[in-house]
Protein backbone atom coordinates (compact mmCIF):
# COMPACT_ATOMS: atom_id res chain seq x y z
CA MET A 1 0.00 0.00 0.00
CA SER A 2 2.85 2.36 -0.85
CA PHE A 3 0.44 4.82 -2.45
CA LEU A 4 -1.06 5.68 0.97
CA PRO A 5 0.36 8.57 3.08
CA ASP A 6 3.02 7.83 5.68
CA GLN A 7 1.79 7.05 9.18
CA GLN A 8 3.69 10.05 10.53
CA PHE A 9 1.72 12.61 8.54
CA GLN A 10 3.12 16.14 8.70
CA LEU A 11 1.74 19.42 7.47
CA SER A 12 3.58 20.83 4.49
CA ASN A 13 4.36 24.53 4.55
CA LEU A 14 1.57 25.25 2.07
CA LEU A 15 -0.99 23.22 4.03
CA LEU A 16 0.21 24.84 7.26
CA PHE A 17 -0.34 28.27 5.71
CA GLY A 18 -3.89 27.27 4.79
CA VAL A 19 -4.65 25.95 8.29
CA LEU A 20 -3.31 29.09 9.97
CA LEU A 21 -5.19 31.30 7.53
CA LEU A 22 -8.52 29.49 7.97
CA THR A 23 -8.23 29.39 11.76
CA GLY A 24 -7.36 33.06 11.95
CA LEU A 25 -10.18 33.99 9.58
CA LEU A 26 -12.76 32.19 11.74
CA GLY A 27 -11.32 33.59 14.99
CA GLY A 28 -11.32 37.13 13.59
CA HIS A 29 -14.92 36.78 12.39
CA VAL A 30 -16.12 35.55 15.80
CA PHE A 31 -14.45 38.40 17.66
CA GLN A 32 -15.51 41.11 15.22
CA ALA A 33 -19.08 40.03 14.42
CA GLY A 34 -19.97 38.36 17.69
CA LEU A 35 -18.05 40.28 20.33
CA ARG A 36 -17.51 43.63 18.56
CA LEU A 37 -13.79 43.36 19.26
CA PRO A 38 -10.88 43.80 16.83
CA LYS A 39 -10.21 40.98 14.40
CA ILE A 40 -6.58 41.05 15.51
CA THR A 41 -7.50 39.83 18.98
CA GLY A 42 -9.39 36.98 17.34
CA PHE A 43 -6.33 36.08 15.27
CA VAL A 44 -4.14 35.98 18.39
CA VAL A 45 -6.65 33.93 20.40
CA ALA A 46 -6.99 31.48 17.49
CA GLY A 47 -3.22 31.00 17.59
CA MET A 48 -3.31 30.47 21.34
CA VAL A 49 -5.96 27.77 20.87
CA LEU A 50 -3.83 25.96 18.29
CA GLY A 51 -0.54 26.48 20.17
CA PRO A 52 1.09 24.77 23.17
CA ILE A 53 -1.08 26.53 25.74
CA GLY A 54 -4.22 25.26 23.94
CA LEU A 55 -4.70 22.16 21.80
CA ASN A 56 -0.95 21.93 21.14
CA TRP A 57 -1.49 21.19 17.45
CA LEU A 58 1.31 23.54 16.43
CA SER A 59 4.76 22.42 17.54
CA ASP A 60 7.79 24.70 17.72
CA ALA A 61 9.11 23.10 14.51
CA MET A 62 5.86 23.91 12.69
CA LEU A 63 5.95 27.48 13.97
CA ASP A 64 9.51 27.78 12.71
CA ASP A 65 8.35 26.53 9.31
CA SER A 66 5.69 29.26 9.24
CA GLN A 67 8.26 32.00 9.92
CA VAL A 68 8.63 32.77 6.22
CA PHE A 69 4.95 33.79 6.04
CA VAL A 70 5.32 35.82 9.25
CA ASN A 71 8.31 37.67 7.82
CA ILE A 72 6.44 38.53 4.63
CA GLY A 73 3.42 39.78 6.59
CA LEU A 74 5.56 41.92 8.88
CA GLY A 75 7.54 43.19 5.89
CA LEU A 76 4.39 44.36 4.13
CA VAL A 77 3.24 46.20 7.26
CA LEU A 78 6.59 47.88 7.85
CA PHE A 79 6.93 48.95 4.22
CA GLU A 80 3.43 50.43 4.15
CA LEU A 81 4.03 52.22 7.46
CA GLY A 82 7.36 53.64 6.30
CA ASN A 83 5.82 54.73 3.01
CA ARG A 84 3.37 56.90 4.94
CA LEU A 85 6.17 58.87 6.60
CA ASP A 86 6.73 62.05 4.61
CA LEU A 87 9.97 63.71 5.73
CA THR A 88 8.89 67.04 4.25
CA TRP A 89 5.87 66.90 6.56
CA MET A 90 8.25 66.42 9.48
CA ARG A 91 10.17 69.52 8.44
CA ARG A 92 6.95 71.52 8.26
CA ASP A 93 5.54 70.10 11.47
CA ARG A 94 8.43 70.78 13.82
CA TRP A 95 6.52 69.43 16.83
CA LEU A 96 6.18 65.91 15.41
CA LEU A 97 9.81 64.94 15.98
CA GLY A 98 9.82 66.59 19.41
CA THR A 99 6.70 64.66 20.39
CA SER A 100 8.26 61.41 19.20
CA VAL A 101 11.48 62.00 21.13
CA ALA A 102 9.53 62.95 24.28
CA GLU A 103 7.25 59.90 24.30
CA ALA A 104 10.16 57.60 23.44
CA ALA A 105 12.46 59.09 26.10
CA LEU A 106 9.84 58.96 28.84
CA SER A 107 8.71 55.43 27.92
CA PHE A 108 12.33 54.32 28.18
CA GLY A 109 13.00 56.39 31.29
CA PHE A 110 9.94 55.28 33.25
CA VAL A 111 10.48 51.57 32.54
CA TYR A 112 14.25 51.71 33.12
CA THR A 113 13.97 53.70 36.37
CA ALA A 114 11.22 51.52 37.85
CA LEU A 115 13.03 48.27 37.07
CA SER A 116 16.40 49.58 38.29
CA VAL A 117 14.90 50.75 41.59
CA LEU A 118 13.41 47.29 42.10
CA GLY A 119 16.77 45.60 41.62
CA VAL A 120 16.72 44.46 37.99
CA ASP A 121 20.15 44.36 36.35
CA MET A 122 20.84 47.75 34.73
CA LEU A 123 21.59 46.35 31.28
CA ILE A 124 18.46 44.19 31.28
CA ALA A 125 16.41 47.17 32.50
CA ALA A 126 17.85 49.29 29.67
CA MET A 127 17.04 46.62 27.06
CA LEU A 128 13.50 46.32 28.38
CA GLY A 129 13.17 50.10 28.37
CA ALA A 130 14.29 50.22 24.72
CA VAL A 131 11.73 47.58 23.74
CA ALA A 132 9.02 49.50 25.62
CA ILE A 133 9.52 52.48 23.30
CA SER A 134 8.21 50.68 20.23
CA THR A 135 4.54 50.50 19.22
CA SER A 136 3.37 47.54 17.13
CA PRO A 137 3.25 48.66 13.47
CA ALA A 138 1.11 45.67 12.53
CA VAL A 139 -1.58 46.32 15.13
CA VAL A 140 -1.86 50.06 14.53
CA THR A 141 -1.88 49.70 10.74
CA LEU A 142 -4.50 46.95 10.76
CA ILE A 143 -6.75 48.77 13.25
CA VAL A 144 -6.61 51.89 11.06
CA LYS A 145 -7.56 49.83 7.99
CA GLU A 146 -10.26 47.87 9.78
CA LEU A 147 -11.96 51.04 11.04
CA ARG A 148 -11.13 53.07 7.91
CA ALA A 149 -9.81 55.67 10.30
CA GLU A 150 -8.89 59.12 9.04
CA GLY A 151 -7.89 62.28 10.85
CA GLN A 152 -5.13 64.12 12.65
CA LEU A 153 -4.89 61.64 15.52
CA THR A 154 -4.70 58.66 13.15
CA GLU A 155 -1.95 60.19 11.01
CA ARG A 156 -0.05 61.24 14.12
CA ALA A 157 -0.27 57.71 15.55
CA LEU A 158 1.07 56.15 12.34
CA ALA A 159 3.94 58.63 12.08
CA LEU A 160 4.89 58.26 15.77
CA THR A 161 4.77 54.46 15.45
CA ALA A 162 7.24 54.53 12.56
CA LEU A 163 9.53 56.95 14.42
CA ASN A 164 9.51 55.18 17.79
CA ASN A 165 10.41 51.86 16.16
CA VAL A 166 13.44 53.49 14.57
CA ILE A 167 14.39 55.14 17.88
CA ALA A 168 14.01 51.83 19.74
CA PHE A 169 16.24 50.07 17.22
CA PHE A 170 18.95 52.72 17.52
CA ILE A 171 18.92 52.50 21.33
CA ILE A 172 19.19 48.70 21.22
CA ALA A 173 22.06 49.02 18.74
CA ALA A 174 23.74 51.50 21.12
CA LEU A 175 23.36 49.02 23.99
CA LEU A 176 24.92 46.16 22.03
CA PRO A 177 28.53 47.29 22.69
CA ILE A 178 27.81 47.27 26.44
CA LEU A 179 26.38 43.78 26.09
CA HIS A 180 29.47 42.62 24.22
CA ILE A 181 31.82 44.21 26.77
CA GLU A 182 29.94 42.66 29.69
CA HIS A 183 30.41 39.24 28.10
CA ARG A 184 34.07 39.96 27.33
CA ALA A 185 33.77 40.02 23.57
CA ASP A 186 36.66 41.23 21.43
CA TRP A 187 36.82 44.90 20.46
CA ILE A 188 36.15 44.21 16.80
CA THR A 189 32.78 42.69 17.74
CA VAL A 190 32.05 45.53 20.17
CA VAL A 191 32.54 48.22 17.51
CA ALA A 192 31.73 46.44 14.26
CA HIS A 193 28.49 44.64 15.17
CA PRO A 194 26.31 47.72 15.87
CA LEU A 195 27.82 49.58 12.90
CA TYR A 196 27.19 46.61 10.65
CA LEU A 197 23.55 46.43 11.73
CA LEU A 198 22.92 50.16 11.27
CA VAL A 199 24.95 50.95 8.17
CA GLY A 200 24.32 47.63 6.45
CA SER A 201 20.54 47.77 6.92
CA LEU A 202 20.28 51.37 5.73
CA LEU A 203 22.60 50.74 2.77
CA LEU A 204 20.57 47.71 1.68
CA ALA A 205 17.37 49.75 1.99
CA PHE A 206 18.88 52.56 -0.10
CA VAL A 207 20.05 50.27 -2.91
CA LEU A 208 16.71 48.48 -3.06
CA SER A 209 14.73 51.75 -3.02
CA ILE A 210 16.70 53.21 -5.95
CA THR A 211 16.26 49.99 -7.92
CA CYS A 212 12.55 49.84 -7.09
CA LEU A 213 11.92 53.42 -8.23
CA ARG A 214 13.73 52.87 -11.52
CA LEU A 215 11.75 49.72 -12.25
CA ALA A 216 8.52 51.49 -11.29
CA ALA A 217 9.29 54.24 -13.81
CA LEU A 218 9.95 51.55 -16.44
CA LEU A 219 6.73 49.64 -15.74
CA GLY A 220 4.54 52.73 -15.61
CA LYS A 221 1.68 53.65 -13.30
CA ARG A 222 -0.18 50.37 -13.57
CA GLU A 223 -1.66 49.27 -10.27
CA ASP A 224 -1.39 45.55 -11.00
CA ARG A 225 2.27 45.77 -12.03
CA GLN A 226 3.28 48.00 -9.15
CA PHE A 227 1.53 45.74 -6.62
CA VAL A 228 3.65 42.78 -7.75
CA LEU A 229 6.77 44.97 -7.90
CA LEU A 230 6.41 46.22 -4.33
CA VAL A 231 5.65 42.77 -2.93
CA CYS A 232 8.76 41.45 -4.70
CA PHE A 233 10.95 44.14 -3.19
CA VAL A 234 9.51 43.62 0.30
CA VAL A 235 10.28 39.90 0.04
CA ILE A 236 13.78 40.64 -1.29
CA ALA A 237 14.39 43.13 1.53
CA VAL A 238 13.27 40.69 4.23
CA SER A 239 15.15 37.71 2.83
CA GLY A 240 18.24 39.81 2.04
CA ALA A 241 18.38 41.26 5.56
CA THR A 242 17.92 37.78 7.04
CA ALA A 243 20.63 36.27 4.87
CA LEU A 244 23.07 39.10 5.67
CA LYS A 245 22.15 39.03 9.41
CA LEU A 246 20.95 42.61 9.27
CA SER A 247 17.84 44.13 10.83
CA GLU A 248 14.69 43.19 8.91
CA LEU A 249 12.82 45.96 10.73
CA LEU A 250 15.22 48.76 9.82
CA THR A 251 15.73 47.48 6.27
CA VAL A 252 12.05 47.21 5.31
CA LEU A 253 10.97 50.32 7.23
CA GLY A 254 13.86 52.20 5.60
CA LEU A 255 12.81 50.88 2.19
CA GLY A 256 9.32 52.26 2.71
CA ILE A 257 10.57 55.66 3.91
CA LEU A 258 13.13 56.02 1.12
CA THR A 259 10.83 55.00 -1.73
CA ARG A 260 8.36 57.65 -0.53
CA ASN A 261 10.87 60.45 -0.07
CA LEU A 262 13.25 59.74 -2.99
CA ASP A 263 10.37 59.49 -5.46
CA ARG A 264 10.77 63.00 -6.88
CA ARG A 265 8.89 62.19 -10.11
CA ARG A 266 6.07 60.38 -8.27
CA VAL A 267 6.43 57.20 -10.29
CA LEU A 268 4.98 55.05 -7.47
CA LEU A 269 1.26 54.84 -6.85
CA PRO A 270 -0.05 55.07 -3.25
CA VAL A 271 0.74 51.83 -1.42
CA ASP A 272 -2.13 49.55 -0.49
CA PHE A 273 -1.49 45.82 -0.34
CA GLY A 274 -5.20 45.16 0.18
CA ARG A 275 -6.59 41.64 0.45
CA GLY A 276 -3.42 40.00 -0.81
CA GLY A 277 -1.41 41.47 2.05
CA GLU A 278 -4.08 40.63 4.60
CA LEU A 279 -3.51 36.91 4.01
CA PHE A 280 -0.03 37.19 5.48
CA ILE A 281 -1.17 39.57 8.24
CA ILE A 282 -3.65 36.98 9.51
CA VAL A 283 -0.93 34.33 9.66
CA LEU A 284 1.39 36.83 11.38
CA PHE A 285 -0.99 37.26 14.33
CA VAL A 286 -2.06 33.63 14.53
CA VAL A 287 1.59 32.58 14.84
CA ALA A 288 2.19 35.38 17.38
CA GLY A 289 -0.62 33.95 19.51
CA ALA A 290 0.68 30.40 19.13
CA ARG A 291 4.12 31.48 20.32
CA LEU A 292 2.82 32.86 23.61
CA ARG A 293 3.90 30.88 26.67
CA PHE A 294 2.78 31.29 30.26
CA SER A 295 4.81 28.55 31.96
CA GLY A 296 7.61 29.88 34.14
CA LEU A 297 6.30 33.43 34.00
CA HIS A 298 5.29 33.66 37.66
CA ASP A 299 8.84 34.69 38.62
CA ALA A 300 8.77 37.54 36.10
CA ALA A 301 5.10 38.50 36.51
CA TRP A 302 5.88 41.59 38.54
CA ILE A 303 8.40 42.75 35.91
CA GLY A 304 5.78 42.37 33.19
CA ALA A 305 3.23 44.30 35.24
CA ILE A 306 5.68 47.14 35.81
CA ILE A 307 6.48 47.31 32.09
CA VAL A 308 2.77 47.55 31.23
CA ILE A 309 2.07 50.34 33.73
CA THR A 310 5.20 52.45 33.34
CA ARG A 311 5.23 52.16 29.55
CA PHE A 312 1.72 53.55 29.25
CA ALA A 313 2.52 56.29 31.77
CA GLY A 314 5.62 57.28 29.81
CA LYS A 315 3.73 57.54 26.55
CA PHE A 316 0.86 59.49 28.09
CA VAL A 317 3.12 62.01 29.81
CA GLY A 318 5.42 62.34 26.77
CA LEU A 319 2.52 62.99 24.42
CA GLY A 320 0.93 65.31 26.96
CA LEU A 321 4.01 67.56 27.07
CA PHE A 322 3.39 68.51 23.44
CA ALA A 323 -0.41 68.52 23.59
CA LYS A 324 -0.79 72.28 23.23
CA PRO A 325 1.62 72.76 20.26
CA ASN A 326 -0.09 69.83 18.49
CA GLY A 327 -3.54 71.28 19.14
CA PHE A 328 -4.57 68.31 21.30
CA THR A 329 -6.64 68.33 24.45
CA ILE A 330 -5.75 65.99 27.33
CA GLU A 331 -8.67 63.82 26.29
CA ARG A 332 -7.21 63.38 22.79
CA VAL A 333 -3.79 62.69 24.29
CA TRP A 334 -5.46 59.89 26.26
CA HIS A 335 -6.97 58.52 23.06
CA LEU A 336 -3.63 58.71 21.22
CA SER A 337 -1.89 56.95 24.11
CA LEU A 338 -4.40 54.09 23.83
CA VAL A 339 -3.83 53.80 20.08
CA MET A 340 -0.08 53.53 20.68
CA LEU A 341 -0.43 51.01 23.51
CA PRO A 342 0.24 47.78 21.49
CA LEU A 343 3.83 46.61 21.97
CA SER A 344 6.00 45.66 19.01
CA SER A 345 6.95 41.98 19.09
CA THR A 346 9.62 42.72 16.48
CA MET A 347 11.88 44.15 19.17
CA LEU A 348 11.47 40.98 21.20
CA THR A 349 12.58 39.00 18.14
CA LEU A 350 15.60 41.28 17.84
CA ILE A 351 16.57 40.63 21.45
CA GLN A 352 16.00 36.90 21.04
CA GLY A 353 18.57 37.05 18.28
CA THR A 354 21.21 37.47 20.98
CA ALA A 355 20.46 33.91 22.09
CA VAL A 356 23.05 32.53 19.69
CA THR A 357 25.83 34.49 21.39
CA TYR A 358 24.51 35.11 24.89
CA PRO A 359 21.76 32.60 25.70
CA GLU A 360 21.55 33.54 29.40
CA MET A 361 20.97 37.21 28.64
CA SER A 362 18.36 36.43 26.00
CA ALA A 363 16.50 34.04 28.32
CA LYS A 364 16.22 36.69 31.05
CA LEU A 365 14.96 39.31 28.63
CA SER A 366 12.51 37.01 26.85
CA THR A 367 10.99 35.69 30.07
CA ALA A 368 10.50 39.18 31.46
CA LEU A 369 8.92 40.42 28.24
CA PHE A 370 6.58 37.55 27.42
CA LEU A 371 3.98 38.44 30.04
CA ALA A 372 3.94 42.08 29.00
CA LEU A 373 3.76 40.99 25.35
CA ALA A 374 0.81 38.69 26.09
CA VAL A 375 -1.08 41.54 27.78
CA PHE A 376 -0.33 43.98 24.96
CA GLU A 377 -1.21 41.50 22.19
CA LEU A 378 -4.56 40.63 23.78
CA LEU A 379 -5.59 44.04 25.16
CA GLY A 380 -3.54 46.35 22.92
CA PRO A 381 -5.77 46.01 19.82
CA ILE A 382 -8.89 46.56 21.95
CA ALA A 383 -7.38 49.71 23.48
CA ALA A 384 -6.27 50.97 20.05
CA GLN A 385 -9.73 50.39 18.56
CA TRP A 386 -11.39 52.15 21.49
CA GLY A 387 -8.99 55.09 21.21
CA VAL A 388 -9.69 55.60 17.49
CA GLN A 389 -13.43 55.29 17.99
CA ARG A 390 -13.54 57.68 20.96
CA ALA A 391 -11.48 60.18 18.96
CA GLY A 392 -14.24 60.18 16.34
CA GLU A 393 -11.96 59.13 13.47
CA ALA A 394 -13.41 55.65 12.80
CA HIS A 395 -15.58 55.35 9.68
CA PRO A 396 -16.28 51.62 9.29
CA GLU A 397 -19.64 52.22 7.59
CA THR A 398 -17.89 53.70 4.53
């Protein structure tokens, strides 16, 4: 009976993609239509049901196999977010950069100070503070699309999300030399590794953006052609950064920013990956939910709780300092703080990348962050949706 399947049947990558997509689609529908909650929360819960803390149908090996789809989904989100960031707007709106620096600095400062006072190692506290700066690009972008949100608060949230992810990455890169020194690495590693990450990622983004714009001019302003072109370059950027051990976040976000701001002749059409991109976004959140773990977190529960509280306080106070120049009331600052509440899991992935060199450091950071990440992934989308709706910028009926 050699024509029958093997007894140890395993999901192929394509079948795994279909299972994740179908499960996420059903979970999102239940949460949106039945509970009036964001689809994203449904995607995450669907992943939790399939993962080790639920039915345990998705092993770590299967989740690793799905990483390629996760990378593409995250790449599409980062590119689209970066492509929204107009640097000329930043020059005209001089308070935008100041607001971003203030909310990033206070988010870092509040988390770092609280953890240091309570006896957490200073380097770990600094790493956690850097991660706390970043807002999830995927959550904010998808909530904005789901609610068809438009307005000053929405645009400000998207711009600040792009900026605080860049700031968080630069701070983590600045902390890497200290990490290397603490673990007695050689001086070449101490100096060259951060420079390689920063310069290499930006250089790759620049080369790809120039190439993309020239091909876009050659293909013309055809929506179907440009859709395929942009998806190709996002995939190339993600896979190229991975192969070269660069930062996928900085490379793809940089690609989006540069293609927007170097496009002097406006050869690119406005970016909207639409339904095709949403396929990968669903898988991104289902896998994020499946990766959540709660075992062994009781020792780090208090650290996670502190991160949640102090991070939100830092963002609220930082945004509030520039409320008057931005024309915001305290109520709108509250709404904007809620929209920016979701935590970026990309930074956690970046820190986990240190596991190859310093497994003990990575384990401490990951354990401390997982509880906070679980809270932000489950409650963050709900808070962001509520903030957009209360600000009066949601237009789902259109």
